[in-house]
PDB file of N, CA and C in Angstrom:
ATOM      1  N   MET A   1      -0.487 -18.902   2.006  1.00  0.00           N
ATOM      2  CA  MET A   1      -1.765 -18.514   1.465  1.00  0.00           C
ATOM      3  C   MET A   1      -1.756 -16.999   1.251  1.00  0.00           C
ATOM      4  N   VAL A   2      -2.173 -16.609   0.095  1.00  0.00           N
ATOM      5  CA  VAL A   2      -2.225 -15.162  -0.225  1.00  0.00           C
ATOM      6  C   VAL A   2      -3.574 -14.849  -0.877  1.00  0.00           C
ATOM      7  N   GLY A   3      -3.959 -13.584  -0.828  1.00  0.00           N
ATOM      8  CA  GLY A   3      -5.195 -13.145  -1.424  1.00  0.00           C
ATOM      9  C   GLY A   3      -5.231 -11.631  -1.522  1.00  0.00           C
ATOM     10  N   PRO A   4      -6.401 -11.091  -1.846  1.00  0.00           N
ATOM     11  CA  PRO A   4      -6.493  -9.653  -2.097  1.00  0.00           C
ATOM     12  C   PRO A   4      -6.282  -8.791  -0.859  1.00  0.00           C
ATOM     13  N   ARG A   5      -6.382  -9.376   0.317  1.00  0.00           N
ATOM     14  CA  ARG A   5      -6.142  -8.579   1.534  1.00  0.00           C
ATOM     15  C   ARG A   5      -4.659  -8.494   1.904  1.00  0.00           C
ATOM     16  N   VAL A   6      -3.803  -9.194   1.147  1.00  0.00           N
ATOM     17  CA  VAL A   6      -2.374  -9.055   1.346  1.00  0.00           C
ATOM     18  C   VAL A   6      -1.970  -7.754   0.650  1.00  0.00           C
ATOM     19  N   TYR A   7      -1.479  -6.787   1.452  1.00  0.00           N
ATOM     20  CA  TYR A   7      -1.238  -5.447   0.955  1.00  0.00           C
ATOM     21  C   TYR A   7      -0.124  -4.806   1.760  1.00  0.00           C
ATOM     22  N   SER A   8       0.581  -3.896   1.172  1.00  0.00           N
ATOM     23  CA  SER A   8       1.590  -3.077   1.831  1.00  0.00           C
ATOM     24  C   SER A   8       2.749  -3.914   2.368  1.00  0.00           C
ATOM     25  N   SER A   9       3.002  -3.906   3.649  1.00  0.00           N
ATOM     26  CA  SER A   9       4.187  -4.579   4.178  1.00  0.00           C
ATOM     27  C   SER A   9       4.096  -6.093   3.995  1.00  0.00           C
ATOM     28  N   SER A  10       2.888  -6.664   4.110  1.00  0.00           N
ATOM     29  CA  SER A  10       2.750  -8.109   3.887  1.00  0.00           C
ATOM     30  C   SER A  10       3.005  -8.448   2.409  1.00  0.00           C
ATOM     31  N   GLU A  11       2.640  -7.498   1.530  1.00  0.00           N
ATOM     32  CA  GLU A  11       2.920  -7.680   0.116  1.00  0.00           C
ATOM     33  C   GLU A  11       4.431  -7.720  -0.143  1.00  0.00           C
ATOM     34  N   ALA A  12       5.178  -6.881   0.565  1.00  0.00           N
ATOM     35  CA  ALA A  12       6.628  -6.869   0.413  1.00  0.00           C
ATOM     36  C   ALA A  12       7.206  -8.230   0.792  1.00  0.00           C
ATOM     37  N   PHE A  13       6.703  -8.851   1.861  1.00  0.00           N
ATOM     38  CA  PHE A  13       7.176 -10.168   2.279  1.00  0.00           C
ATOM     39  C   PHE A  13       6.795 -11.235   1.248  1.00  0.00           C
ATOM     40  N   VAL A  14       5.574 -11.156   0.722  1.00  0.00           N
ATOM     41  CA  VAL A  14       5.130 -12.114  -0.294  1.00  0.00           C
ATOM     42  C   VAL A  14       5.995 -11.973  -1.553  1.00  0.00           C
ATOM     43  N   ASN A  15       6.314 -10.750  -1.925  1.00  0.00           N
ATOM     44  CA  ASN A  15       7.154 -10.542  -3.078  1.00  0.00           C
ATOM     45  C   ASN A  15       8.552 -11.128  -2.871  1.00  0.00           C
ATOM     46  N   PHE A  16       9.095 -10.942  -1.658  1.00  0.00           N
ATOM     47  CA  PHE A  16      10.373 -11.550  -1.319  1.00  0.00           C
ATOM     48  C   PHE A  16      10.291 -13.069  -1.441  1.00  0.00           C
ATOM     49  N   CYS A  17       9.236 -13.681  -0.884  1.00  0.00           N
ATOM     50  CA  CYS A  17       9.087 -15.129  -0.921  1.00  0.00           C
ATOM     51  C   CYS A  17       9.037 -15.651  -2.334  1.00  0.00           C
ATOM     52  N   LYS A  18       8.316 -14.960  -3.214  1.00  0.00           N
ATOM     53  CA  LYS A  18       8.204 -15.399  -4.595  1.00  0.00           C
ATOM     54  C   LYS A  18       9.547 -15.236  -5.333  1.00  0.00           C
ATOM     55  N   ASP A  19      10.161 -14.072  -5.191  1.00  0.00           N
ATOM     56  CA  ASP A  19      11.420 -13.790  -5.923  1.00  0.00           C
ATOM     57  C   ASP A  19      12.575 -14.673  -5.480  1.00  0.00           C
ATOM     58  N   SER A  20      12.599 -15.009  -4.186  1.00  0.00           N
ATOM     59  CA  SER A  20      13.733 -15.786  -3.662  1.00  0.00           C
ATOM     60  C   SER A  20      13.492 -17.299  -3.671  1.00  0.00           C
ATOM     61  N   GLY A  21      12.235 -17.712  -3.833  1.00  0.00           N
ATOM     62  CA  GLY A  21      11.895 -19.130  -3.747  1.00  0.00           C
ATOM     63  C   GLY A  21      11.794 -19.620  -2.319  1.00  0.00           C
ATOM     64  N   PHE A  22      11.709 -18.708  -1.383  1.00  0.00           N
ATOM     65  CA  PHE A  22      11.648 -19.022   0.042  1.00  0.00           C
ATOM     66  C   PHE A  22      10.381 -19.838   0.383  1.00  0.00           C
ATOM     67  N   ALA A  23       9.279 -19.566  -0.307  1.00  0.00           N
ATOM     68  CA  ALA A  23       8.012 -20.250  -0.033  1.00  0.00           C
ATOM     69  C   ALA A  23       7.242 -20.385  -1.341  1.00  0.00           C
ATOM     70  N   THR A  24       6.346 -21.343  -1.372  1.00  0.00           N
ATOM     71  CA  THR A  24       5.404 -21.502  -2.492  1.00  0.00           C
ATOM     72  C   THR A  24       4.132 -20.762  -2.133  1.00  0.00           C
ATOM     73  N   LEU A  25       3.756 -19.810  -2.968  1.00  0.00           N
ATOM     74  CA  LEU A  25       2.557 -19.030  -2.719  1.00  0.00           C
ATOM     75  C   LEU A  25       1.364 -19.713  -3.345  1.00  0.00           C
ATOM     76  N   VAL A  26       0.287 -19.859  -2.542  1.00  0.00           N
ATOM     77  CA  VAL A  26      -0.919 -20.499  -2.978  1.00  0.00           C
ATOM     78  C   VAL A  26      -2.090 -19.575  -2.678  1.00  0.00           C
ATOM     79  N   GLY A  27      -2.983 -19.401  -3.627  1.00  0.00           N
ATOM     80  CA  GLY A  27      -4.174 -18.585  -3.358  1.00  0.00           C
ATOM     81  C   GLY A  27      -4.580 -17.732  -4.515  1.00  0.00           C
ATOM     82  N   HIS A  28      -4.875 -16.484  -4.196  1.00  0.00           N
ATOM     83  CA  HIS A  28      -5.415 -15.538  -5.160  1.00  0.00           C
ATOM     84  C   HIS A  28      -4.508 -14.315  -5.297  1.00  0.00           C
ATOM     85  N   GLN A  29      -4.729 -13.543  -6.321  1.00  0.00           N
ATOM     86  CA  GLN A  29      -3.914 -12.355  -6.566  1.00  0.00           C
ATOM     87  C   GLN A  29      -3.894 -11.449  -5.331  1.00  0.00           C
ATOM     88  N   THR A  30      -2.709 -10.915  -4.980  1.00  0.00           N
ATOM     89  CA  THR A  30      -2.622 -10.047  -3.814  1.00  0.00           C
ATOM     90  C   THR A  30      -3.079  -8.624  -4.106  1.00  0.00           C
ATOM     91  N   GLY A  31      -3.206  -7.850  -3.046  1.00  0.00           N
ATOM     92  CA  GLY A  31      -3.624  -6.450  -3.191  1.00  0.00           C
ATOM     93  C   GLY A  31      -2.554  -5.527  -3.637  1.00  0.00           C
ATOM     94  N   GLY A  32      -1.276  -5.888  -3.389  1.00  0.00           N
ATOM     95  CA  GLY A  32      -0.159  -5.088  -3.907  1.00  0.00           C
ATOM     96  C   GLY A  32       0.359  -4.004  -2.982  1.00  0.00           C
ATOM     97  N   ASP A  33       1.101  -3.101  -3.584  1.00  0.00           N
ATOM     98  CA  ASP A  33       1.689  -1.908  -2.949  1.00  0.00           C
ATOM     99  C   ASP A  33       2.723  -2.225  -1.876  1.00  0.00           C
ATOM    100  N   GLY A  34       3.569  -3.194  -2.072  1.00  0.00           N
ATOM    101  CA  GLY A  34       4.567  -3.515  -1.093  1.00  0.00           C
ATOM    102  C   GLY A  34       5.973  -3.196  -1.496  1.00  0.00           C
ATOM    103  N   ILE A  35       6.159  -2.666  -2.677  1.00  0.00           N
ATOM    104  CA  ILE A  35       7.503  -2.385  -3.154  1.00  0.00           C
ATOM    105  C   ILE A  35       7.686  -0.866  -3.180  1.00  0.00           C
ATOM    106  N   GLY A  36       8.589  -0.385  -2.367  1.00  0.00           N
ATOM    107  CA  GLY A  36       8.836   1.054  -2.336  1.00  0.00           C
ATOM    108  C   GLY A  36       8.887   1.546  -0.899  1.00  0.00           C
ATOM    109  N   PHE A  37       8.570   2.825  -0.723  1.00  0.00           N
ATOM    110  CA  PHE A  37       8.637   3.475   0.567  1.00  0.00           C
ATOM    111  C   PHE A  37       7.254   3.848   1.066  1.00  0.00           C
ATOM    112  N   ASP A  38       7.181   4.314   2.315  1.00  0.00           N
ATOM    113  CA  ASP A  38       5.920   4.787   2.854  1.00  0.00           C
ATOM    114  C   ASP A  38       5.421   5.953   1.983  1.00  0.00           C
ATOM    115  N   PRO A  39       4.096   6.099   1.878  1.00  0.00           N
ATOM    116  CA  PRO A  39       3.543   7.154   1.063  1.00  0.00           C
ATOM    117  C   PRO A  39       3.816   8.552   1.682  1.00  0.00           C
ATOM    118  N   ILE A  40       3.769   9.531   0.807  1.00  0.00           N
ATOM    119  CA  ILE A  40       3.853  10.944   1.246  1.00  0.00           C
ATOM    120  C   ILE A  40       2.422  11.362   1.610  1.00  0.00           C
ATOM    121  N   VAL A  41       2.267  12.050   2.722  1.00  0.00           N
ATOM    122  CA  VAL A  41       0.991  12.575   3.142  1.00  0.00           C
ATOM    123  C   VAL A  41       1.089  14.086   3.159  1.00  0.00           C
ATOM    124  N   LEU A  42       0.095  14.728   2.537  1.00  0.00           N
ATOM    125  CA  LEU A  42       0.095  16.188   2.553  1.00  0.00           C
ATOM    126  C   LEU A  42      -1.325  16.698   2.742  1.00  0.00           C
ATOM    127  N   SER A  43      -1.419  17.941   3.131  1.00  0.00           N
ATOM    128  CA  SER A  43      -2.732  18.585   3.361  1.00  0.00           C
ATOM    129  C   SER A  43      -2.983  19.561   2.221  1.00  0.00           C
ATOM    130  N   MET A  44      -4.138  19.450   1.641  1.00  0.00           N
ATOM    131  CA  MET A  44      -4.498  20.371   0.552  1.00  0.00           C
ATOM    132  C   MET A  44      -4.665  21.778   1.147  1.00  0.00           C
ATOM    133  N   PRO A  45      -4.138  22.805   0.533  1.00  0.00           N
ATOM    134  CA  PRO A  45      -4.089  24.128   1.155  1.00  0.00           C
ATOM    135  C   PRO A  45      -5.462  24.776   1.410  1.00  0.00           C
ATOM    136  N   ASN A  46      -6.409  24.611   0.569  1.00  0.00           N
ATOM    137  CA  ASN A  46      -7.702  25.274   0.739  1.00  0.00           C
ATOM    138  C   ASN A  46      -8.692  24.451   1.568  1.00  0.00           C
ATOM    139  N   SER A  47      -8.718  23.169   1.343  1.00  0.00           N
ATOM    140  CA  SER A  47      -9.743  22.335   1.986  1.00  0.00           C
ATOM    141  C   SER A  47      -9.210  21.657   3.268  1.00  0.00           C
ATOM    142  N   GLY A  48      -7.904  21.497   3.388  1.00  0.00           N
ATOM    143  CA  GLY A  48      -7.350  20.784   4.515  1.00  0.00           C
ATOM    144  C   GLY A  48      -7.456  19.262   4.400  1.00  0.00           C
ATOM    145  N   ILE A  49      -7.992  18.778   3.286  1.00  0.00           N
ATOM    146  CA  ILE A  49      -8.134  17.353   3.090  1.00  0.00           C
ATOM    147  C   ILE A  49      -6.736  16.728   3.003  1.00  0.00           C
ATOM    148  N   MET A  50      -6.557  15.615   3.725  1.00  0.00           N
ATOM    149  CA  MET A  50      -5.282  14.921   3.724  1.00  0.00           C
ATOM    150  C   MET A  50      -5.228  13.945   2.530  1.00  0.00           C
ATOM    151  N   VAL A  51      -4.139  13.957   1.804  1.00  0.00           N
ATOM    152  CA  VAL A  51      -3.947  13.118   0.650  1.00  0.00           C
ATOM    153  C   VAL A  51      -2.668  12.317   0.833  1.00  0.00           C
ATOM    154  N   ALA A  52      -2.714  11.029   0.548  1.00  0.00           N
ATOM    155  CA  ALA A  52      -1.539  10.158   0.605  1.00  0.00           C
ATOM    156  C   ALA A  52      -1.326   9.546  -0.765  1.00  0.00           C
ATOM    157  N   TYR A  53      -0.070   9.490  -1.202  1.00  0.00           N
ATOM    158  CA  TYR A  53       0.233   8.874  -2.483  1.00  0.00           C
ATOM    159  C   TYR A  53       1.610   8.272  -2.447  1.00  0.00           C
ATOM    160  N   SER A  54       1.794   7.235  -3.263  1.00  0.00           N
ATOM    161  CA  SER A  54       3.092   6.560  -3.352  1.00  0.00           C
ATOM    162  C   SER A  54       4.054   7.446  -4.133  1.00  0.00           C
ATOM    163  N   THR A  55       5.309   7.475  -3.689  1.00  0.00           N
ATOM    164  CA  THR A  55       6.305   8.293  -4.359  1.00  0.00           C
ATOM    165  C   THR A  55       7.130   7.476  -5.352  1.00  0.00           C
ATOM    166  N   ILE A  56       6.994   6.161  -5.289  1.00  0.00           N
ATOM    167  CA  ILE A  56       7.796   5.271  -6.155  1.00  0.00           C
ATOM    168  C   ILE A  56       6.885   4.334  -6.901  1.00  0.00           C
ATOM    169  N   TYR A  57       7.174   4.107  -8.168  1.00  0.00           N
ATOM    170  CA  TYR A  57       6.448   3.147  -9.001  1.00  0.00           C
ATOM    171  C   TYR A  57       7.143   1.801  -8.774  1.00  0.00           C
ATOM    172  N   GLY A  58       6.772   1.096  -7.690  1.00  0.00           N
ATOM    173  CA  GLY A  58       7.432  -0.152  -7.325  1.00  0.00           C
ATOM    174  C   GLY A  58       7.097  -1.259  -8.293  1.00  0.00           C
ATOM    175  N   MET A  59       8.157  -1.905  -8.835  1.00  0.00           N
ATOM    176  CA  MET A  59       7.969  -2.982  -9.806  1.00  0.00           C
ATOM    177  C   MET A  59       8.567  -4.272  -9.294  1.00  0.00           C
ATOM    178  N   ASP A  60       7.954  -5.400  -9.685  1.00  0.00           N
ATOM    179  CA  ASP A  60       8.502  -6.702  -9.365  1.00  0.00           C
ATOM    180  C   ASP A  60       9.589  -7.083 -10.366  1.00  0.00           C
ATOM    181  N   GLN A  61      10.097  -8.303 -10.246  1.00  0.00           N
ATOM    182  CA  GLN A  61      11.174  -8.745 -11.115  1.00  0.00           C
ATOM    183  C   GLN A  61      10.768  -8.846 -12.589  1.00  0.00           C
ATOM    184  N   PHE A  62       9.434  -8.834 -12.854  1.00  0.00           N
ATOM    185  CA  PHE A  62       8.957  -8.943 -14.227  1.00  0.00           C
ATOM    186  C   PHE A  62       8.563  -7.593 -14.807  1.00  0.00           C
ATOM    187  N   GLY A  63       8.797  -6.514 -14.039  1.00  0.00           N
ATOM    188  CA  GLY A  63       8.500  -5.156 -14.506  1.00  0.00           C
ATOM    189  C   GLY A  63       7.029  -4.748 -14.311  1.00  0.00           C
ATOM    190  N   GLN A  64       6.272  -5.502 -13.544  1.00  0.00           N
ATOM    191  CA  GLN A  64       4.884  -5.138 -13.303  1.00  0.00           C
ATOM    192  C   GLN A  64       4.784  -4.315 -12.020  1.00  0.00           C
ATOM    193  N   ASN A  65       3.914  -3.305 -12.038  1.00  0.00           N
ATOM    194  CA  ASN A  65       3.720  -2.450 -10.869  1.00  0.00           C
ATOM    195  C   ASN A  65       3.019  -3.212  -9.772  1.00  0.00           C
ATOM    196  N   SER A  66       3.600  -3.174  -8.585  1.00  0.00           N
ATOM    197  CA  SER A  66       3.083  -3.886  -7.442  1.00  0.00           C
ATOM    198  C   SER A  66       1.683  -3.416  -7.041  1.00  0.00           C
ATOM    199  N   GLU A  67       1.488  -2.129  -6.973  1.00  0.00           N
ATOM    200  CA  GLU A  67       0.177  -1.615  -6.531  1.00  0.00           C
ATOM    201  C   GLU A  67      -0.910  -1.886  -7.536  1.00  0.00           C
ATOM    202  N   GLU A  68      -0.595  -1.804  -8.804  1.00  0.00           N
ATOM    203  CA  GLU A  68      -1.602  -1.991  -9.854  1.00  0.00           C
ATOM    204  C   GLU A  68      -1.976  -3.464 -10.030  1.00  0.00           C
ATOM    205  N   PHE A  69      -0.956  -4.355 -10.027  1.00  0.00           N
ATOM    206  CA  PHE A  69      -1.226  -5.734 -10.343  1.00  0.00           C
ATOM    207  C   PHE A  69      -1.120  -6.717  -9.176  1.00  0.00           C
ATOM    208  N   GLY A  70      -0.481  -6.296  -8.055  1.00  0.00           N
ATOM    209  CA  GLY A  70      -0.271  -7.234  -6.953  1.00  0.00           C
ATOM    210  C   GLY A  70       0.745  -8.295  -7.324  1.00  0.00           C
ATOM    211  N   THR A  71       0.718  -9.394  -6.614  1.00  0.00           N
ATOM    212  CA  THR A  71       1.617 -10.528  -6.884  1.00  0.00           C
ATOM    213  C   THR A  71       0.761 -11.735  -7.216  1.00  0.00           C
ATOM    214  N   THR A  72       1.097 -12.404  -8.304  1.00  0.00           N
ATOM    215  CA  THR A  72       0.396 -13.650  -8.671  1.00  0.00           C
ATOM    216  C   THR A  72       1.071 -14.802  -7.928  1.00  0.00           C
ATOM    217  N   PRO A  73       0.274 -15.595  -7.196  1.00  0.00           N
ATOM    218  CA  PRO A  73       0.875 -16.716  -6.484  1.00  0.00           C
ATOM    219  C   PRO A  73       1.428 -17.781  -7.417  1.00  0.00           C
ATOM    220  N   ASP A  74       2.309 -18.626  -6.898  1.00  0.00           N
ATOM    221  CA  ASP A  74       2.854 -19.723  -7.710  1.00  0.00           C
ATOM    222  C   ASP A  74       1.747 -20.683  -8.138  1.00  0.00           C
ATOM    223  N   ILE A  75       0.795 -20.923  -7.240  1.00  0.00           N
ATOM    224  CA  ILE A  75      -0.363 -21.740  -7.553  1.00  0.00           C
ATOM    225  C   ILE A  75      -1.576 -20.827  -7.444  1.00  0.00           C
ATOM    226  N   LEU A  76      -2.061 -20.367  -8.583  1.00  0.00           N
ATOM    227  CA  LEU A  76      -3.166 -19.418  -8.630  1.00  0.00           C
ATOM    228  C   LEU A  76      -4.468 -20.206  -8.647  1.00  0.00           C
ATOM    229  N   LEU A  77      -5.328 -19.951  -7.676  1.00  0.00           N
ATOM    230  CA  LEU A  77      -6.616 -20.618  -7.567  1.00  0.00           C
ATOM    231  C   LEU A  77      -7.698 -19.746  -8.151  1.00  0.00           C
ATOM    232  N   ASP A  78      -8.770 -20.394  -8.650  1.00  0.00           N
ATOM    233  CA  ASP A  78      -9.895 -19.590  -9.106  1.00  0.00           C
ATOM    234  C   ASP A  78     -10.651 -19.039  -7.876  1.00  0.00           C
ATOM    235  N   ASN A  79     -11.494 -18.088  -8.091  1.00  0.00           N
ATOM    236  CA  ASN A  79     -12.126 -17.355  -6.985  1.00  0.00           C
ATOM    237  C   ASN A  79     -13.046 -18.215  -6.154  1.00  0.00           C
ATOM    238  N   ASP A  80     -13.491 -19.345  -6.705  1.00  0.00           N
ATOM    239  CA  ASP A  80     -14.419 -20.241  -5.956  1.00  0.00           C
ATOM    240  C   ASP A  80     -13.689 -21.228  -5.093  1.00  0.00           C
ATOM    241  N   THR A  81     -12.378 -21.310  -5.201  1.00  0.00           N
ATOM    242  CA  THR A  81     -11.604 -22.315  -4.470  1.00  0.00           C
ATOM    243  C   THR A  81     -11.052 -21.708  -3.159  1.00  0.00           C
ATOM    244  N   ASN A  82     -11.311 -22.380  -2.087  1.00  0.00           N
ATOM    245  CA  ASN A  82     -10.828 -21.987  -0.770  1.00  0.00           C
ATOM    246  C   ASN A  82      -9.350 -22.403  -0.671  1.00  0.00           C
ATOM    247  N   ALA A  83      -8.469 -21.446  -0.416  1.00  0.00           N
ATOM    248  CA  ALA A  83      -7.042 -21.732  -0.394  1.00  0.00           C
ATOM    249  C   ALA A  83      -6.666 -22.674   0.742  1.00  0.00           C
ATOM    250  N   PHE A  84      -7.244 -22.526   1.881  1.00  0.00           N
ATOM    251  CA  PHE A  84      -6.925 -23.379   3.031  1.00  0.00           C
ATOM    252  C   PHE A  84      -7.308 -24.851   2.723  1.00  0.00           C
ATOM    253  N   GLU A  85      -8.493 -25.051   2.209  1.00  0.00           N
ATOM    254  CA  GLU A  85      -8.927 -26.411   1.866  1.00  0.00           C
ATOM    255  C   GLU A  85      -8.052 -26.996   0.755  1.00  0.00           C
ATOM    256  N   TYR A  86      -7.679 -26.200  -0.221  1.00  0.00           N
ATOM    257  CA  TYR A  86      -6.818 -26.667  -1.308  1.00  0.00           C
ATOM    258  C   TYR A  86      -5.475 -27.153  -0.728  1.00  0.00           C
ATOM    259  N   ILE A  87      -4.867 -26.353   0.145  1.00  0.00           N
ATOM    260  CA  ILE A  87      -3.563 -26.692   0.730  1.00  0.00           C
ATOM    261  C   ILE A  87      -3.656 -27.942   1.568  1.00  0.00           C
ATOM    262  N   MET A  88      -4.698 -28.043   2.407  1.00  0.00           N
ATOM    263  CA  MET A  88      -4.852 -29.205   3.267  1.00  0.00           C
ATOM    264  C   MET A  88      -5.036 -30.492   2.428  1.00  0.00           C
ATOM    265  N   ASN A  89      -5.848 -30.428   1.380  1.00  0.00           N
ATOM    266  CA  ASN A  89      -6.017 -31.572   0.489  1.00  0.00           C
ATOM    267  C   ASN A  89      -4.743 -31.926  -0.266  1.00  0.00           C
ATOM    268  N   ALA A  90      -3.979 -30.883  -0.685  1.00  0.00           N
ATOM    269  CA  ALA A  90      -2.716 -31.137  -1.400  1.00  0.00           C
ATOM    270  C   ALA A  90      -1.683 -31.772  -0.470  1.00  0.00           C
ATOM    271  N   ILE A  91      -1.657 -31.401   0.787  1.00  0.00           N
ATOM    272  CA  ILE A  91      -0.745 -32.007   1.736  1.00  0.00           C
ATOM    273  C   ILE A  91      -1.144 -33.457   1.989  1.00  0.00           C
ATOM    274  N   LYS A  92      -2.431 -33.741   2.127  1.00  0.00           N
ATOM    275  CA  LYS A  92      -2.921 -35.116   2.358  1.00  0.00           C
ATOM    276  C   LYS A  92      -2.562 -36.045   1.204  1.00  0.00           C
ATOM    277  N   ASP A  93      -2.768 -35.545  -0.034  1.00  0.00           N
ATOM    278  CA  ASP A  93      -2.498 -36.436  -1.171  1.00  0.00           C
ATOM    279  C   ASP A  93      -1.055 -36.363  -1.667  1.00  0.00           C
ATOM    280  N   GLY A  94      -0.227 -35.534  -1.042  1.00  0.00           N
ATOM    281  CA  GLY A  94       1.193 -35.498  -1.361  1.00  0.00           C
ATOM    282  C   GLY A  94       1.554 -34.677  -2.581  1.00  0.00           C
ATOM    283  N   SER A  95       0.629 -33.880  -3.096  1.00  0.00           N
ATOM    284  CA  SER A  95       0.916 -33.110  -4.295  1.00  0.00           C
ATOM    285  C   SER A  95       1.548 -31.756  -4.021  1.00  0.00           C
ATOM    286  N   LEU A  96       1.637 -31.401  -2.754  1.00  0.00           N
ATOM    287  CA  LEU A  96       2.245 -30.110  -2.407  1.00  0.00           C
ATOM    288  C   LEU A  96       3.376 -30.294  -1.403  1.00  0.00           C
TER     289      LEU A  96
END
């Protein structure tokens, strides 16, 4: 099960699962930002405000940016569908 709260390191695992066929992803578009390295953190010289930004434009196997688009699950559900209920019903009826 995936959704918009899948982000960063969990996104990297989801991306691995999708690319390798290790698991079938079911749910909603993920939050992204799992391809690349830890962000750079710096302090602005005058204000001292801390800023973090990604140093790499991480792309999936289709050339889409991970942070901008996230990962689309193999079975994409509409926003009104509960992923857990969908999976449990699919297991019961043998369609998953």
